[in-house]
Amino acid sequence: MPQLARKRQIAAKIESVEGVAETLTAAEAKHLVDAGDLSFSAEPEKEERAPVQQSLSTHPSLIGVQPAKHGLTVELRGSGVIATEPTWNTFLAGTGVEGTAVNQLAIGAVTGGPFTHGETVTGGTSSATGRVISQTANGDAAVYVVVLTGTFASGEVLTGGTSGATATTSALAAAGGFVYEPISSSIKSLTIASFLDGVRKLQVGARGSMRIAIPGAGKPGRIFFPEFMGVYGGVTDTALLSGITYESTLPPVMLGGTVRLGTFTPIVKAFEMDLGADVGLRTSFAAAKGAVSALLGGRNPTGKITIESELVATYDPYGDMIAGTMRDLEVQIGSVEANRFKIILPQVKIEDVAEGSDGPVSTWDLSFSIPGGTTLQDQEFAVLAY
């Protein structure tokens, strides 16, 4: 019987014991991945042998360490329920990017603002504290916070610890979605299996990198996981998982989105951010396949944004590049609660300016680094799903 290329699934689960396969069910297979970007490869190391003898015949190689790789792409799509994480959160966890629940505090006018991303706000009545997610200016209906201590009250004055901004809450804190930020320890490993019409390809101890891209106006965002490295877990005849309830949420497209680079609001053509994770195998004499898992040993986040060129008086990327100026960058896509996203980069450093064009319009391709330094450790970027 021929196997049909469109009858494919992928399932993933965070491992309780690193490198030990988890049982994968329909609950772990709700991922709608792009068909053209779903891939699997087994890449065993081969030890060549060339002993001398009276003949010129060759000898078979030996099979050593047995890594395997999965690649996939998912849409930047929400669950449709504010208190439920998007299904791609499992894959993000395997790249060292983890989610934290966020609360939204409905507010009135912001005075002396804006509230700045990462600063601590304190409730004047409750003394509750929270870490602000995304810049919040006058006219915004809510401030989004990761609650640190206490419980915020309605009708109290919030004060920003860094900005000094103030605003009065008009309701009790409510679920506001999730924020995804990098971590540097206790990074989760994954069991991943892809299914092709009756065949299962298993990988354990998997970790990888990711890239987020919004390629143009009217396009949806996507999260690319080009290479989850792990240990080969076998290829077996296994039926496709049944009883999967896929989410029906449609991904937002980049229409009516907003982008801010410092105080400059550019006309944007494309955006991408790359985690730049450094992933390698954790080999072991004791492991049956020669390795326990893949490890994430570092990251080097970078990005690129294509914008219409401007007069120097409006914005000077060459000046920023030469001076090493740091600016914050925020990109928002979608407008419906539980299916909208904001990519928050507290400081980007322009590394290269390339001139181009979009039809008759002159453009700049701005390549940038996303350093954390000493002040933004594990907070150099955030993805707010809200």
Protein backbone atom coordinates (compact mmCIF):
# COMPACT_ATOMS: atom_id res chain seq x y z
CA MET A 1 0.00 0.00 0.00
CA PRO A 2 1.37 3.46 -0.84
CA GLN A 3 1.71 5.93 2.02
CA LEU A 4 -0.02 9.27 1.55
CA ALA A 5 2.22 12.27 2.16
CA ARG A 6 -0.61 14.39 3.54
CA LYS A 7 -1.53 11.85 6.24
CA ARG A 8 1.02 13.00 8.78
CA GLN A 9 1.10 13.96 12.44
CA ILE A 10 3.63 15.12 14.97
CA ALA A 11 3.43 14.68 18.72
CA ALA A 12 5.68 16.04 21.46
CA LYS A 13 5.84 15.85 25.24
CA ILE A 14 8.17 17.22 27.90
CA GLU A 15 10.18 14.39 29.40
CA SER A 16 9.95 13.53 33.08
CA VAL A 17 13.37 11.83 32.86
CA GLU A 18 15.76 13.32 30.31
CA GLY A 19 16.28 10.99 27.38
CA VAL A 20 13.59 8.51 28.46
CA ALA A 21 10.73 8.27 25.98
CA GLU A 22 7.32 9.51 27.06
CA THR A 23 4.12 7.85 25.92
CA LEU A 24 2.59 10.01 23.22
CA THR A 25 -1.19 10.20 22.82
CA ALA A 26 -3.71 12.26 20.90
CA ALA A 27 -3.42 14.96 23.58
CA GLU A 28 0.20 15.61 22.53
CA ALA A 29 -0.55 15.62 18.79
CA LYS A 30 -2.74 18.71 18.33
CA HIS A 31 -0.05 20.52 16.35
CA LEU A 32 -0.96 21.88 12.92
CA VAL A 33 2.43 22.00 11.22
CA ASP A 34 3.33 23.10 7.71
CA ALA A 35 3.50 19.98 5.51
CA GLY A 36 6.52 21.17 3.54
CA ASP A 37 8.61 21.81 6.64
CA LEU A 38 7.99 18.59 8.60
CA SER A 39 11.12 16.45 8.39
CA PHE A 40 12.92 13.60 10.14
CA SER A 41 16.40 12.20 9.70
CA ALA A 42 18.44 9.51 11.43
CA GLU A 43 22.15 10.31 11.22
CA PRO A 44 24.21 7.57 12.93
CA GLU A 45 27.93 8.14 13.20
CA LYS A 46 29.94 5.65 11.17
CA GLU A 47 33.37 4.43 12.21
CA GLU A 48 35.26 3.55 9.07
CA ARG A 49 37.60 0.54 9.14
CA ALA A 50 40.63 0.00 6.93
CA PRO A 51 42.61 -3.00 8.21
CA VAL A 52 45.39 -4.27 5.90
CA GLN A 53 45.01 -7.60 4.14
CA GLN A 54 46.01 -9.36 0.93
CA SER A 55 42.93 -8.00 -0.88
CA LEU A 56 41.89 -4.48 -1.86
CA SER A 57 38.33 -5.19 -0.70
CA THR A 58 36.81 -2.78 1.81
CA HIS A 59 35.36 -3.60 5.23
CA PRO A 60 31.98 -2.54 6.63
CA SER A 61 31.88 0.47 8.90
CA LEU A 62 30.70 0.33 12.51
CA ILE A 63 27.60 2.18 13.73
CA GLY A 64 28.32 4.40 16.70
CA VAL A 65 26.43 7.30 18.31
CA GLN A 66 22.89 7.51 16.93
CA PRO A 67 21.47 11.05 16.76
CA ALA A 68 18.20 11.96 15.07
CA LYS A 69 16.63 15.24 14.01
CA HIS A 70 13.15 16.66 13.53
CA GLY A 71 12.30 19.92 11.79
CA LEU A 72 8.92 21.64 11.72
CA THR A 73 7.09 24.94 11.31
CA VAL A 74 3.93 26.10 13.09
CA GLU A 75 1.69 29.10 12.64
CA LEU A 76 1.83 31.91 15.20
CA ARG A 77 -1.67 31.08 16.37
CA GLY A 78 -3.39 31.37 19.74
CA SER A 79 -5.59 28.84 21.53
CA GLY A 80 -8.61 31.16 21.46
CA VAL A 81 -8.92 30.82 25.25
CA ILE A 82 -7.04 33.42 27.30
CA ALA A 83 -6.15 30.98 30.10
CA THR A 84 -4.98 28.22 27.72
CA GLU A 85 -1.49 28.24 26.22
CA PRO A 86 -0.94 27.87 22.47
CA THR A 87 -0.08 24.30 21.48
CA TRP A 88 3.41 25.34 20.32
CA ASN A 89 4.43 26.06 23.91
CA THR A 90 5.78 22.49 24.17
CA PHE A 91 8.20 23.03 21.29
CA LEU A 92 9.29 26.39 22.70
CA ALA A 93 10.10 24.72 26.02
CA GLY A 94 12.55 22.47 24.17
CA THR A 95 14.41 25.56 22.92
CA GLY A 96 14.86 27.06 26.40
CA VAL A 97 11.94 29.50 26.06
CA GLU A 98 9.26 29.01 28.70
CA GLY A 99 5.85 30.50 29.37
CA THR A 100 4.59 32.32 32.45
CA ALA A 101 0.99 33.31 33.11
CA VAL A 102 0.27 37.03 32.77
CA ASN A 103 -2.47 39.10 34.41
CA GLN A 104 -4.11 42.12 32.83
CA LEU A 105 -4.96 45.12 34.99
CA ALA A 106 -7.60 47.39 33.43
CA ILE A 107 -6.50 51.00 33.88
CA GLY A 108 -7.52 54.56 33.17
CA ALA A 109 -5.17 57.29 32.00
CA VAL A 110 -1.41 56.78 32.36
CA THR A 111 0.28 59.82 33.92
CA GLY A 112 4.01 60.48 33.66
CA GLY A 113 4.38 57.37 31.52
CA PRO A 114 4.75 55.17 29.79
CA PHE A 115 5.23 52.15 32.02
CA THR A 116 8.31 50.38 30.69
CA HIS A 117 8.76 46.71 29.90
CA GLY A 118 10.43 44.86 32.75
CA GLU A 119 9.89 47.45 35.47
CA THR A 120 8.09 46.62 38.72
CA VAL A 121 4.74 48.24 39.44
CA THR A 122 3.30 48.46 42.95
CA GLY A 123 -0.34 48.78 43.97
CA GLY A 124 -0.89 51.73 46.28
CA THR A 125 -3.59 49.98 48.35
CA SER A 126 -2.73 46.28 48.10
CA SER A 127 1.08 46.71 48.00
CA ALA A 128 1.00 43.92 45.39
CA THR A 129 3.85 43.96 42.88
CA GLY A 130 4.16 42.84 39.28
CA ARG A 131 6.67 42.88 36.43
CA VAL A 132 5.40 44.88 33.44
CA ILE A 133 5.24 43.11 30.08
CA SER A 134 5.40 45.54 27.12
CA GLN A 135 5.50 49.32 27.18
CA THR A 136 2.15 50.72 28.35
CA ALA A 137 1.31 54.29 27.35
CA ASN A 138 -1.61 56.64 27.95
CA GLY A 139 -4.59 55.35 25.99
CA ASP A 140 -3.80 51.67 26.54
CA ALA A 141 -6.71 49.90 28.20
CA ALA A 142 -4.64 47.58 30.40
CA VAL A 143 -1.19 46.94 31.76
CA TYR A 144 0.02 43.35 31.54
CA VAL A 145 2.06 42.03 34.45
CA VAL A 146 3.64 38.88 35.78
CA VAL A 147 2.45 39.01 39.39
CA LEU A 148 5.36 38.89 41.83
CA THR A 149 3.65 39.35 45.20
CA GLY A 150 0.16 39.92 46.60
CA THR A 151 -3.16 40.54 44.86
CA PHE A 152 -3.90 43.74 42.98
CA ALA A 153 -7.10 45.60 43.88
CA SER A 154 -9.58 47.58 41.85
CA GLY A 155 -9.44 51.36 42.27
CA GLU A 156 -5.83 51.51 43.44
CA VAL A 157 -2.99 53.56 41.97
CA LEU A 158 -0.22 51.64 40.23
CA THR A 159 3.22 53.22 40.33
CA GLY A 160 6.13 52.21 38.10
CA GLY A 161 9.33 51.65 40.04
CA THR A 162 11.56 52.84 37.18
CA SER A 163 9.42 55.16 35.07
CA GLY A 164 7.45 56.73 37.92
CA ALA A 165 4.33 56.40 35.74
CA THR A 166 0.98 56.07 37.51
CA ALA A 167 -2.46 54.75 36.58
CA THR A 168 -5.56 53.74 38.50
CA THR A 169 -6.94 50.23 38.14
CA SER A 170 -10.61 49.95 37.21
CA ALA A 171 -11.11 46.23 37.80
CA LEU A 172 -9.60 43.26 39.58
CA ALA A 173 -6.73 41.47 37.88
CA ALA A 174 -7.86 39.02 35.20
CA ALA A 175 -6.12 36.33 33.15
CA GLY A 176 -4.10 38.05 30.46
CA GLY A 177 -2.42 35.23 28.55
CA PHE A 178 1.19 34.08 28.68
CA VAL A 179 4.64 35.55 28.15
CA TYR A 180 7.46 33.44 26.71
CA GLU A 181 11.01 34.33 27.75
CA PRO A 182 14.40 32.59 27.60
CA ILE A 183 15.82 30.63 30.52
CA SER A 184 19.35 29.44 31.25
CA SER A 185 18.76 26.42 33.49
CA SER A 186 16.39 23.45 33.80
CA ILE A 187 15.73 23.54 30.05
CA LYS A 188 13.21 20.85 29.18
CA SER A 189 13.97 17.91 26.90
CA LEU A 190 11.30 16.49 24.59
CA THR A 191 10.12 13.19 23.22
CA ILE A 192 9.05 13.85 19.62
CA ALA A 193 7.44 11.47 17.17
CA SER A 194 6.35 12.10 13.61
CA PHE A 195 3.84 9.78 11.95
CA LEU A 196 3.55 9.09 8.23
CA ASP A 197 0.45 7.05 7.36
CA GLY A 198 1.26 4.02 9.51
CA VAL A 199 4.94 4.60 10.35
CA ARG A 200 6.22 6.30 13.51
CA LYS A 201 9.65 7.94 13.75
CA LEU A 202 10.70 8.49 17.36
CA GLN A 203 13.25 10.83 18.90
CA VAL A 204 14.10 11.29 22.59
CA GLY A 205 16.07 13.85 24.59
CA ALA A 206 15.38 16.49 21.95
CA ARG A 207 16.29 20.17 22.17
CA GLY A 208 16.63 22.79 19.45
CA SER A 209 16.44 26.40 18.30
CA MET A 210 13.67 28.52 16.83
CA ARG A 211 12.99 31.49 14.57
CA ILE A 212 9.91 33.73 14.41
CA ALA A 213 9.11 35.43 11.11
CA ILE A 214 6.41 37.71 9.73
CA PRO A 215 7.35 37.81 6.04
CA GLY A 216 5.08 40.62 4.87
CA ALA A 217 1.87 42.59 5.12
CA GLY A 218 -1.18 40.35 4.98
CA LYS A 219 0.88 37.31 5.96
CA PRO A 220 0.59 35.23 9.15
CA GLY A 221 3.51 34.84 11.49
CA ARG A 222 5.29 31.51 11.79
CA ILE A 223 7.60 29.83 14.28
CA PHE A 224 10.31 27.76 12.62
CA PHE A 225 12.01 24.92 14.50
CA PRO A 226 14.56 23.94 11.85
CA GLU A 227 16.41 21.28 13.81
CA PHE A 228 15.45 19.53 17.02
CA MET A 229 18.48 17.38 17.79
CA GLY A 230 18.08 14.28 19.95
CA VAL A 231 18.64 10.54 20.13
CA TYR A 232 17.23 8.04 17.63
CA GLY A 233 14.32 6.17 19.21
CA GLY A 234 13.41 3.83 16.37
CA VAL A 235 11.12 3.67 13.34
CA THR A 236 8.16 1.32 13.69
CA ASP A 237 4.89 0.45 12.00
CA THR A 238 2.45 2.37 14.17
CA ALA A 239 -1.02 3.62 13.27
CA LEU A 240 -1.78 7.30 13.15
CA LEU A 241 -3.09 8.62 16.46
CA SER A 242 -6.86 8.86 16.59
CA GLY A 243 -9.24 11.10 18.51
CA ILE A 244 -7.21 14.29 18.08
CA THR A 245 -9.20 17.48 18.67
CA TYR A 246 -7.45 20.20 16.71
CA GLU A 247 -7.93 23.83 17.67
CA SER A 248 -10.05 25.77 15.19
CA THR A 249 -8.43 29.18 15.79
CA LEU A 250 -7.21 30.82 12.59
CA PRO A 251 -3.82 32.57 12.78
CA PRO A 252 -3.92 36.36 12.59
CA VAL A 253 -2.39 38.03 9.56
CA MET A 254 -0.32 41.19 9.65
CA LEU A 255 -3.03 43.73 8.93
CA GLY A 256 -3.39 46.77 11.17
CA GLY A 257 -0.38 45.67 13.21
CA THR A 258 1.96 48.05 14.98
CA VAL A 259 5.73 48.31 15.11
CA ARG A 260 7.78 50.68 17.25
CA LEU A 261 11.55 51.14 17.21
CA GLY A 262 12.34 53.41 20.13
CA THR A 263 10.13 56.45 19.46
CA PHE A 264 10.18 55.85 15.69
CA THR A 265 7.20 54.19 13.96
CA PRO A 266 8.59 52.74 10.72
CA ILE A 267 6.76 51.47 7.65
CA VAL A 268 7.65 47.78 7.92
CA LYS A 269 7.88 45.20 5.12
CA ALA A 270 9.18 42.12 6.98
CA PHE A 271 10.46 41.01 10.40
CA GLU A 272 12.24 38.02 11.85
CA MET A 273 13.95 37.02 15.08
CA ASP A 274 16.29 34.05 15.50
CA LEU A 275 17.05 32.51 18.91
CA GLY A 276 20.44 31.26 17.69
CA ALA A 277 20.61 28.38 20.16
CA ASP A 278 23.80 26.31 20.30
CA VAL A 279 22.77 22.65 20.53
CA GLY A 280 24.98 19.56 20.83
CA LEU A 281 24.73 15.90 21.84
CA ARG A 282 25.39 14.69 25.39
CA THR A 283 27.31 11.49 24.69
CA SER A 284 27.79 8.69 27.22
CA PHE A 285 29.57 5.32 27.35
CA ALA A 286 26.56 3.93 29.22
CA ALA A 287 23.89 5.02 26.73
CA ALA A 288 22.55 2.31 24.43
CA LYS A 289 22.56 4.75 21.50
CA GLY A 290 25.78 6.49 22.58
CA ALA A 291 24.02 9.64 23.78
CA VAL A 292 21.57 10.60 26.51
CA SER A 293 20.09 13.72 24.94
CA ALA A 294 20.85 16.98 23.21
CA LEU A 295 21.93 19.96 25.32
CA LEU A 296 21.46 23.68 24.76
CA GLY A 297 24.80 25.27 25.59
CA GLY A 298 24.15 28.90 24.68
CA ARG A 299 22.14 31.32 22.56
CA ASN A 300 22.87 34.34 20.37
CA PRO A 301 19.57 36.05 19.48
CA THR A 302 19.58 38.16 16.33
CA GLY A 303 17.01 39.59 13.97
CA LYS A 304 16.26 41.56 10.83
CA ILE A 305 13.61 44.10 9.95
CA THR A 306 12.93 45.58 6.52
CA ILE A 307 11.57 49.13 6.60
CA GLU A 308 11.10 52.04 4.22
CA SER A 309 14.10 54.37 4.25
CA GLU A 310 13.69 57.84 5.74
CA LEU A 311 15.40 61.20 6.09
CA VAL A 312 18.13 61.29 8.71
CA ALA A 313 16.01 63.75 10.68
CA THR A 314 13.32 61.07 10.97
CA TYR A 315 15.55 58.09 11.69
CA ASP A 316 19.26 57.45 11.15
CA PRO A 317 20.12 53.72 11.29
CA TYR A 318 23.70 54.43 10.21
CA GLY A 319 24.11 56.72 13.20
CA ASP A 320 22.70 54.04 15.50
CA MET A 321 25.05 51.45 14.03
CA ILE A 322 28.17 53.61 14.36
CA ALA A 323 27.31 54.81 17.87
CA GLY A 324 26.19 51.38 19.11
CA THR A 325 22.88 52.88 20.19
CA MET A 326 20.44 50.52 21.87
CA ARG A 327 16.72 50.89 21.17
CA ASP A 328 13.70 48.82 22.14
CA LEU A 329 11.65 47.19 19.40
CA GLU A 330 8.07 45.93 19.64
CA VAL A 331 6.07 44.16 16.93
CA GLN A 332 2.36 43.45 17.40
CA ILE A 333 0.21 41.16 15.24
CA GLY A 334 -3.48 40.30 15.67
CA SER A 335 -6.27 42.09 17.51
CA VAL A 336 -8.51 39.36 18.96
CA GLU A 337 -7.95 38.33 22.58
CA ALA A 338 -6.20 34.96 22.97
CA ASN A 339 -5.08 35.17 19.33
CA ARG A 340 -2.82 38.22 19.28
CA PHE A 341 0.90 38.51 19.89
CA LYS A 342 3.53 41.05 20.74
CA ILE A 343 7.23 40.41 20.19
CA ILE A 344 9.16 42.54 22.66
CA LEU A 345 12.89 43.25 22.32
CA PRO A 346 13.97 45.59 25.15
CA GLN A 347 17.23 46.48 23.44
CA VAL A 348 18.44 45.85 19.91
CA LYS A 349 21.77 46.94 18.43
CA ILE A 350 21.94 47.65 14.69
CA GLU A 351 24.79 45.60 13.25
CA ASP A 352 24.30 46.15 9.52
CA VAL A 353 22.31 48.41 7.19
CA ALA A 354 21.67 47.13 3.65
CA GLU A 355 19.88 49.21 1.06
CA GLY A 356 17.14 47.63 -1.04
CA SER A 357 13.78 48.30 -2.60
CA ASP A 358 10.18 47.17 -2.48
CA GLY A 359 8.98 47.89 -6.00
CA PRO A 360 9.51 51.65 -6.44
CA VAL A 361 10.10 52.27 -2.71
CA SER A 362 13.60 52.43 -1.21
CA THR A 363 14.11 50.21 1.84
CA TRP A 364 16.63 49.37 4.54
CA ASP A 365 17.32 45.83 5.73
CA LEU A 366 18.38 46.36 9.34
CA SER A 367 20.20 43.40 10.87
CA PHE A 368 20.46 43.57 14.65
CA SER A 369 21.72 41.70 17.68
CA ILE A 370 19.59 41.24 20.80
CA PRO A 371 21.99 41.41 23.75
CA GLY A 372 20.96 40.75 27.31
CA GLY A 373 24.13 42.01 28.95
CA THR A 374 24.10 42.20 32.73
CA THR A 375 20.79 44.04 33.09
CA LEU A 376 18.53 41.83 30.96
CA GLN A 377 19.71 38.34 31.86
CA ASP A 378 17.06 35.90 30.63
CA GLN A 379 14.90 38.88 29.67
CA GLU A 380 16.48 39.93 26.37
CA PHE A 381 13.26 39.13 24.52
CA ALA A 382 9.67 38.22 25.24
CA VAL A 383 6.74 36.94 23.20
CA LEU A 384 3.41 37.96 24.70
CA ALA A 385 0.43 35.77 23.71
CA TYR A 386 -2.55 37.72 24.98
